[in-house]
Amino acid sequence: MSALKQAAAPLRVLMTADAVGGVWQYALDVAEGMRAHGIETVLAVLGPAPSEDQMSQARHAGIEVIETGLPLDWTADGPAEMRQATRAVLRLASDIRPDIVHLNSPALLADAKFPCPVVVVCHSCVATWWEAVRGGSLPQEFVWRTELVRKGYHKADRLLAPTAAFAGATARVYDLPIPPAVVRNGRRVTQVRDPENRELFAFTAGRLWDEGKNFAAIDRAAARLPVPVLAAGPLDGPNGARIAAHHAAPLGRLSDDEVAGYLSARPIFVSAAKYEPFGLAVLEAAQAGCALVLSDIPTLRELWGDAALFVAPDDDAGLARAIDRLAEDEDARWAMGEAAKLRASTYSLESMSMGLLSAYRSLLPSKFNSISLKGAAA
């Protein structure tokens, strides 16, 4: 009887996450999407604690969240602090006894041996960030971080990335024998509501303090535009980074519902990122039918193709011209928004879930056979 009960039990995944950027949204969506396939996910949050609205999201979705208080690799003071974090996550895995560990922070795997298969997702890293944003030799404070990530990537049982362009960059920078498999991110579609603001505006959202997001170019472009440019997201980062808004209107950090309220007005969405492995904010805007003006970098080209206007990242005059062109032509703006919405439909929660499910299944085929047989019997 105990063996039958064990076979019928849902698979259990321990997933690391952080509440600083898109990984939080990714983790909640994955946990929600995988539940439909008989998989329970426990989120272990590293870095700054989730906000009350973020925790409310998790509670509403019925997702178990453990706030660890542990540092992220890009905020830790040194390798010793990361080793302590690794030991803490290992103890957590020992308590939870997951079938799979899903790490969104690969540095945690560098000095660890988990008692189950490990899936690592390449969301971003300081080495590829530095290459795209600054260039040249890595600063010393990035070298040890990069080495931990390198070890984690090479030890993973399955390595995934959200775009082929970023998978290729990751393989090259970390000398991987084969690039990570591509599983594109997806987002659940937020319910559309009547917009509070019916006046046209341009909009951007994300970690504005992150130099890779290149908010400075959008801020300069705002000075050239007749329409307002609204910017959602923090200006100060947990790593001490800071940026000022001189021409765009800063809205501060907004909840997902508040961002959805602005997107419901179908503004012109702008991203001038120099570094964007995927870009969940762009996907959310596209799902809402916003016309997209994006930086011309390989990952965004790969994802959005002819469903966006592309401008060189530091060309603030070009950004302003593209935004102004759409602001002046309502038909073109609507058509671009519809094209973006159609493309966004391919980056769904279910398609992401199926990609992850394939990775999980490849590591635990017998467990998934038990689930399949149970489903067939029902």
Protein backbone atom coordinates (compact mmCIF):
# COMPACT_ATOMS: atom_id res chain seq x y z
CA MET A 1 0.00 0.00 0.00
CA SER A 2 2.81 2.46 0.87
CA ALA A 3 4.42 1.87 -2.54
CA LEU A 4 1.11 2.65 -4.27
CA LYS A 5 0.72 5.83 -2.25
CA GLN A 6 4.25 6.90 -3.10
CA ALA A 7 3.64 6.33 -6.82
CA ALA A 8 0.45 8.39 -6.70
CA ALA A 9 2.01 11.31 -4.81
CA PRO A 10 2.69 14.46 -6.83
CA LEU A 11 6.23 15.23 -7.85
CA ARG A 12 7.88 17.82 -5.65
CA VAL A 13 10.24 20.52 -6.93
CA LEU A 14 12.39 22.87 -4.85
CA MET A 15 12.94 26.04 -6.88
CA THR A 16 15.14 28.98 -5.96
CA ALA A 17 13.88 32.45 -6.82
CA ASP A 18 14.40 36.11 -6.02
CA ALA A 19 11.96 38.98 -5.68
CA VAL A 20 14.11 41.62 -7.39
CA GLY A 21 13.05 41.23 -11.02
CA GLY A 22 11.51 38.92 -13.57
CA VAL A 23 12.62 35.70 -11.86
CA TRP A 24 9.84 36.20 -9.29
CA GLN A 25 7.17 36.35 -11.99
CA TYR A 26 8.81 33.44 -13.81
CA ALA A 27 8.86 31.30 -10.66
CA LEU A 28 5.21 31.96 -9.79
CA ASP A 29 4.11 31.23 -13.34
CA VAL A 30 6.14 28.01 -13.47
CA ALA A 31 4.72 26.84 -10.14
CA GLU A 32 1.20 27.57 -11.34
CA GLY A 33 1.71 25.98 -14.74
CA MET A 34 3.35 22.84 -13.41
CA ARG A 35 0.65 22.21 -10.84
CA ALA A 36 -1.68 21.31 -13.71
CA HIS A 37 0.75 18.50 -14.54
CA GLY A 38 0.84 17.00 -11.04
CA ILE A 39 3.94 18.84 -9.83
CA GLU A 40 4.13 20.78 -6.57
CA THR A 41 6.72 23.56 -6.35
CA VAL A 42 8.22 25.07 -3.20
CA LEU A 43 9.88 28.46 -3.78
CA ALA A 44 12.99 29.29 -1.75
CA VAL A 45 13.50 33.05 -2.06
CA LEU A 46 17.03 34.47 -1.88
CA GLY A 47 17.94 38.14 -1.73
CA PRO A 48 15.59 40.90 -0.53
CA ALA A 49 12.30 39.70 0.93
CA PRO A 50 9.24 39.74 -1.34
CA SER A 51 6.92 42.71 -0.95
CA GLU A 52 3.48 42.27 0.53
CA ASP A 53 1.82 42.34 -2.90
CA GLN A 54 4.28 39.70 -4.13
CA MET A 55 3.51 37.46 -1.17
CA SER A 56 -0.18 38.06 -1.76
CA GLN A 57 0.28 36.80 -5.31
CA ALA A 58 1.89 33.61 -4.03
CA ARG A 59 -0.77 33.04 -1.38
CA HIS A 60 -3.55 33.60 -3.90
CA ALA A 61 -1.96 31.01 -6.19
CA GLY A 62 -1.52 28.55 -3.32
CA ILE A 63 2.27 28.45 -3.72
CA GLU A 64 4.49 27.68 -0.73
CA VAL A 65 7.22 30.32 -0.29
CA ILE A 66 10.18 30.09 2.05
CA GLU A 67 12.03 33.35 2.71
CA THR A 68 15.62 32.32 3.32
CA GLY A 69 17.32 35.69 3.85
CA LEU A 70 20.26 34.29 1.87
CA PRO A 71 22.26 36.47 -0.54
CA LEU A 72 22.12 36.31 -4.32
CA ASP A 73 25.41 35.68 -6.08
CA TRP A 74 25.46 39.23 -7.47
CA THR A 75 24.88 40.83 -4.05
CA ALA A 76 27.05 38.51 -1.92
CA ASP A 77 30.26 39.92 -0.43
CA GLY A 78 32.41 36.98 -1.46
CA PRO A 79 32.68 33.25 -2.18
CA ALA A 80 32.48 32.33 1.51
CA GLU A 81 29.06 33.95 1.78
CA MET A 82 27.86 31.99 -1.24
CA ARG A 83 29.18 28.75 0.23
CA GLN A 84 27.11 29.45 3.35
CA ALA A 85 24.07 30.06 1.15
CA THR A 86 24.72 26.78 -0.68
CA ARG A 87 24.87 24.85 2.59
CA ALA A 88 21.60 26.42 3.70
CA VAL A 89 19.85 25.44 0.45
CA LEU A 90 21.23 21.92 0.77
CA ARG A 91 19.76 21.69 4.28
CA LEU A 92 16.46 22.93 2.89
CA ALA A 93 16.54 20.25 0.19
CA SER A 94 17.25 17.64 2.87
CA ASP A 95 14.16 18.76 4.79
CA ILE A 96 11.84 19.06 1.78
CA ARG A 97 13.15 15.96 -0.05
CA PRO A 98 12.23 17.14 -3.56
CA ASP A 99 12.28 14.95 -6.64
CA ILE A 100 13.99 17.74 -8.62
CA VAL A 101 15.86 20.90 -7.65
CA HIS A 102 15.29 23.79 -10.09
CA LEU A 103 17.95 26.47 -9.62
CA ASN A 104 17.48 29.95 -11.02
CA SER A 105 20.77 30.83 -9.32
CA PRO A 106 23.38 28.46 -10.80
CA ALA A 107 26.15 29.62 -8.44
CA LEU A 108 24.43 27.58 -5.72
CA LEU A 109 25.39 24.38 -7.55
CA ALA A 110 29.11 25.17 -7.77
CA ASP A 111 30.05 23.57 -4.44
CA ALA A 112 26.97 21.42 -3.90
CA LYS A 113 25.86 17.87 -4.51
CA PHE A 114 22.10 17.64 -4.28
CA PRO A 115 20.44 14.27 -3.60
CA CYS A 116 18.30 14.54 -6.74
CA PRO A 117 18.59 15.79 -10.34
CA VAL A 118 19.20 19.52 -10.82
CA VAL A 119 17.74 21.71 -13.57
CA VAL A 120 19.45 25.09 -14.02
CA VAL A 121 17.90 27.95 -15.96
CA CYS A 122 20.19 30.65 -17.38
CA HIS A 123 18.27 33.88 -16.75
CA SER A 124 21.26 36.22 -16.68
CA CYS A 125 24.79 36.45 -15.28
CA VAL A 126 27.40 39.10 -14.57
CA ALA A 127 29.79 37.86 -17.29
CA THR A 128 27.32 38.13 -20.21
CA TRP A 129 25.94 41.35 -18.66
CA TRP A 130 29.42 42.87 -18.59
CA GLU A 131 30.14 41.80 -22.16
CA ALA A 132 26.92 43.40 -23.44
CA VAL A 133 26.95 46.55 -21.30
CA ARG A 134 30.58 47.48 -20.64
CA GLY A 135 32.90 45.19 -22.60
CA GLY A 136 36.54 44.37 -21.89
CA SER A 137 38.04 42.41 -19.01
CA LEU A 138 35.84 41.49 -16.09
CA PRO A 139 36.42 43.47 -12.90
CA GLN A 140 37.84 41.46 -10.02
CA GLU A 141 34.56 41.45 -8.10
CA PHE A 142 32.93 39.70 -11.05
CA VAL A 143 35.63 37.06 -11.55
CA TRP A 144 34.77 34.87 -8.54
CA ARG A 145 31.05 35.19 -9.30
CA THR A 146 31.63 34.08 -12.87
CA GLU A 147 33.68 31.09 -11.73
CA LEU A 148 30.87 29.92 -9.42
CA VAL A 149 28.34 30.25 -12.24
CA ARG A 150 30.68 28.38 -14.59
CA LYS A 151 30.93 25.47 -12.15
CA GLY A 152 27.18 25.43 -11.66
CA TYR A 153 26.49 25.38 -15.39
CA HIS A 154 28.89 22.49 -15.97
CA LYS A 155 27.42 20.43 -13.11
CA ALA A 156 23.74 20.84 -14.06
CA ASP A 157 21.83 17.74 -15.14
CA ARG A 158 19.78 19.92 -17.51
CA LEU A 159 20.67 23.47 -18.58
CA LEU A 160 17.98 25.70 -20.09
CA ALA A 161 17.84 29.24 -21.50
CA PRO A 162 14.92 31.43 -22.64
CA THR A 163 16.28 32.34 -26.09
CA ALA A 164 18.66 30.80 -28.61
CA ALA A 165 20.70 34.01 -28.74
CA PHE A 166 21.27 33.96 -25.00
CA ALA A 167 21.92 30.22 -25.02
CA GLY A 168 24.66 30.80 -27.60
CA ALA A 169 26.21 33.66 -25.63
CA THR A 170 26.16 31.55 -22.46
CA ALA A 171 27.80 28.57 -24.18
CA ARG A 172 30.54 30.78 -25.60
CA VAL A 173 31.32 32.69 -22.40
CA TYR A 174 31.31 29.57 -20.19
CA ASP A 175 32.93 27.11 -22.64
CA LEU A 176 29.97 24.77 -22.61
CA PRO A 177 30.24 21.75 -24.93
CA ILE A 178 26.67 22.31 -26.14
CA PRO A 179 24.41 25.35 -25.67
CA PRO A 180 21.60 25.21 -23.12
CA ALA A 181 18.30 23.89 -24.46
CA VAL A 182 15.83 26.65 -25.27
CA VAL A 183 12.59 26.84 -23.29
CA ARG A 184 11.03 30.23 -23.90
CA ASN A 185 9.51 32.03 -20.97
CA GLY A 186 5.76 32.42 -20.85
CA ARG A 187 3.31 34.54 -18.90
CA ARG A 188 -0.27 34.06 -17.89
CA VAL A 189 -2.40 36.70 -19.61
CA THR A 190 -3.70 39.38 -17.25
CA GLN A 191 -7.39 40.15 -17.55
CA VAL A 192 -7.93 43.28 -19.64
CA ARG A 193 -9.81 46.10 -17.96
CA ASP A 194 -10.97 49.55 -18.94
CA PRO A 195 -8.03 51.96 -18.81
CA GLU A 196 -8.09 54.83 -16.34
CA ASN A 197 -5.91 56.94 -18.63
CA ARG A 198 -7.10 57.30 -22.21
CA GLU A 199 -4.46 59.83 -23.22
CA LEU A 200 -1.61 58.41 -25.29
CA PHE A 201 1.70 57.90 -23.52
CA ALA A 202 4.86 55.85 -23.83
CA PHE A 203 5.67 53.35 -21.10
CA THR A 204 8.62 51.32 -19.86
CA ALA A 205 8.95 48.97 -16.90
CA GLY A 206 11.65 47.00 -15.15
CA ARG A 207 14.72 47.44 -12.98
CA LEU A 208 15.42 51.01 -14.03
CA TRP A 209 18.58 51.09 -11.90
CA ASP A 210 20.13 48.25 -13.91
CA GLU A 211 22.56 49.74 -16.43
CA GLY A 212 21.74 46.87 -18.77
CA LYS A 213 18.14 48.12 -19.05
CA ASN A 214 19.56 51.39 -20.40
CA PHE A 215 16.84 53.59 -18.93
CA ALA A 216 19.15 56.59 -19.46
CA ALA A 217 18.53 56.39 -23.24
CA ILE A 218 14.75 56.35 -22.71
CA ASP A 219 15.06 59.30 -20.34
CA ARG A 220 17.00 61.27 -22.96
CA ALA A 221 14.46 60.34 -25.64
CA ALA A 222 11.65 61.61 -23.40
CA ALA A 223 13.07 65.13 -23.67
CA ARG A 224 12.45 65.02 -27.45
CA LEU A 225 8.84 63.80 -27.32
CA PRO A 226 5.46 65.54 -27.23
CA VAL A 227 3.88 62.54 -25.44
CA PRO A 228 4.73 61.73 -21.81
CA VAL A 229 7.02 58.81 -21.02
CA LEU A 230 6.09 56.93 -17.84
CA ALA A 231 8.61 54.61 -16.20
CA ALA A 232 7.61 51.88 -13.73
CA GLY A 233 10.27 50.32 -11.53
CA PRO A 234 12.80 51.14 -8.85
CA LEU A 235 15.54 53.70 -9.45
CA ASP A 236 17.70 52.19 -6.68
CA GLY A 237 19.00 48.61 -6.73
CA PRO A 238 19.92 46.21 -3.91
CA ASN A 239 23.55 46.29 -5.11
CA GLY A 240 23.87 50.07 -4.59
CA ALA A 241 23.23 51.03 -8.23
CA ARG A 242 21.15 54.15 -8.79
CA ILE A 243 19.83 56.21 -11.70
CA ALA A 244 17.92 59.47 -11.90
CA ALA A 245 14.95 60.35 -14.11
CA HIS A 246 15.25 63.82 -15.63
CA HIS A 247 12.61 63.79 -18.38
CA ALA A 248 10.59 60.59 -18.00
CA ALA A 249 8.02 60.44 -15.18
CA PRO A 250 9.10 57.83 -12.59
CA LEU A 251 6.26 55.82 -11.09
CA GLY A 252 8.34 53.79 -8.61
CA ARG A 253 7.86 50.10 -8.06
CA LEU A 254 4.36 48.98 -9.08
CA SER A 255 2.51 45.76 -8.40
CA ASP A 256 1.62 43.49 -11.31
CA ASP A 257 -1.97 44.72 -11.13
CA GLU A 258 -0.85 48.35 -11.26
CA VAL A 259 1.39 47.67 -14.27
CA ALA A 260 -1.53 45.90 -15.95
CA GLY A 261 -3.65 48.99 -15.35
CA TYR A 262 -1.20 51.15 -17.30
CA LEU A 263 -0.80 48.55 -20.07
CA SER A 264 -4.58 48.32 -20.49
CA ALA A 265 -4.44 51.78 -22.09
CA ARG A 266 -2.23 50.26 -24.83
CA PRO A 267 0.60 52.78 -24.56
CA ILE A 268 3.67 52.60 -26.79
CA PHE A 269 5.97 50.26 -24.89
CA VAL A 270 9.68 51.07 -25.01
CA SER A 271 12.76 49.04 -24.11
CA ALA A 272 16.25 50.32 -24.88
CA ALA A 273 18.00 47.42 -23.14
CA LYS A 274 21.59 46.60 -23.98
CA TYR A 275 21.21 43.30 -22.14
CA GLU A 276 17.93 41.38 -22.10
CA PRO A 277 18.05 37.57 -22.08
CA PHE A 278 14.26 37.50 -22.54
CA GLY A 279 12.24 40.47 -21.25
CA LEU A 280 9.03 39.59 -19.41
CA ALA A 281 7.96 43.24 -19.31
CA VAL A 282 8.00 43.31 -23.12
CA LEU A 283 5.89 40.15 -23.21
CA GLU A 284 3.33 41.61 -20.80
CA ALA A 285 3.07 44.75 -22.95
CA ALA A 286 2.64 42.67 -26.09
CA GLN A 287 -0.07 40.56 -24.46
CA ALA A 288 -1.94 43.81 -23.76
CA GLY A 289 -1.70 44.83 -27.41
CA CYS A 290 0.88 47.58 -27.01
CA ALA A 291 2.96 48.67 -29.99
CA LEU A 292 6.61 47.86 -29.25
CA VAL A 293 9.70 50.02 -29.75
CA LEU A 294 12.67 47.87 -28.78
CA SER A 295 16.45 47.95 -28.80
CA ASP A 296 18.04 46.16 -31.71
CA ILE A 297 19.78 43.33 -29.84
CA PRO A 298 19.83 39.64 -30.85
CA THR A 299 17.47 38.32 -28.15
CA LEU A 300 14.72 40.87 -28.79
CA ARG A 301 15.07 40.46 -32.56
CA GLU A 302 14.72 36.70 -32.12
CA LEU A 303 11.57 37.01 -30.03
CA TRP A 304 9.71 39.85 -31.75
CA GLY A 305 10.87 39.91 -35.39
CA ASP A 306 8.53 42.02 -37.50
CA ALA A 307 6.16 42.58 -34.56
CA ALA A 308 8.19 45.54 -33.24
CA LEU A 309 10.15 48.60 -34.35
CA PHE A 310 13.86 48.28 -33.59
CA VAL A 311 16.35 51.02 -32.77
CA ALA A 312 20.02 50.87 -31.73
CA PRO A 313 20.15 50.90 -27.91
CA ASP A 314 21.96 54.22 -27.43
CA ASP A 315 20.22 56.06 -30.26
CA ASP A 316 17.88 58.21 -28.17
CA ALA A 317 17.05 60.35 -31.21
CA GLY A 318 16.05 57.20 -33.09
CA LEU A 319 13.96 56.04 -30.13
CA ALA A 320 12.17 59.37 -30.09
CA ARG A 321 11.50 59.22 -33.84
CA ALA A 322 10.08 55.69 -33.62
CA ILE A 323 7.82 56.61 -30.70
CA ASP A 324 6.71 59.83 -32.37
CA ARG A 325 5.96 57.97 -35.62
CA LEU A 326 3.61 55.61 -33.79
CA ALA A 327 2.11 58.43 -31.75
CA GLU A 328 1.20 60.29 -34.94
CA ASP A 329 -0.24 57.27 -36.77
CA GLU A 330 -3.04 55.57 -34.86
CA ASP A 331 -3.61 52.91 -37.53
CA ALA A 332 0.06 51.92 -37.56
CA ARG A 333 0.12 51.91 -33.77
CA TRP A 334 -2.92 49.63 -33.62
CA ALA A 335 -1.54 47.30 -36.29
CA MET A 336 1.80 46.99 -34.49
CA GLY A 337 0.00 46.31 -31.23
CA GLU A 338 -2.05 43.53 -32.81
CA ALA A 339 1.09 42.02 -34.37
CA ALA A 340 2.79 42.04 -30.98
CA LYS A 341 -0.26 40.46 -29.35
CA LEU A 342 -0.31 37.68 -31.92
CA ARG A 343 3.40 36.97 -31.44
CA ALA A 344 2.94 37.03 -27.65
CA SER A 345 0.36 34.25 -27.87
CA THR A 346 3.18 31.84 -28.77
CA TYR A 347 4.94 32.60 -25.47
CA SER A 348 2.24 31.17 -23.27
CA LEU A 349 2.26 29.72 -19.78
CA GLU A 350 1.35 26.32 -21.20
CA SER A 351 4.13 26.29 -23.81
CA MET A 352 6.69 27.15 -21.12
CA SER A 353 5.24 24.49 -18.83
CA MET A 354 5.49 21.84 -21.55
CA GLY A 355 9.13 22.74 -22.20
CA LEU A 356 10.00 22.44 -18.53
CA LEU A 357 7.94 19.28 -18.24
CA SER A 358 10.04 17.72 -20.98
CA ALA A 359 13.22 18.59 -19.09
CA TYR A 360 11.85 17.20 -15.83
CA ARG A 361 10.57 14.04 -17.53
CA SER A 362 13.96 13.35 -19.09
CA LEU A 363 15.49 13.22 -15.60
CA LEU A 364 12.79 11.15 -13.90
CA PRO A 365 11.10 9.00 -16.56
CA SER A 366 9.80 6.39 -14.08
CA LYS A 367 8.17 9.02 -11.87
CA PHE A 368 6.41 10.56 -14.87
CA ASN A 369 5.25 7.14 -16.04
CA SER A 370 3.54 6.71 -12.67
CA ILE A 371 1.77 10.03 -13.09
CA SER A 372 0.71 9.16 -16.63
CA LEU A 373 -0.63 5.75 -15.57
CA LYS A 374 -2.54 7.33 -12.71
CA GLY A 375 -4.07 9.86 -15.09
CA ALA A 376 -5.02 7.12 -17.56
CA ALA A 377 -6.67 5.06 -14.81
CA ALA A 378 -8.71 8.04 -13.69
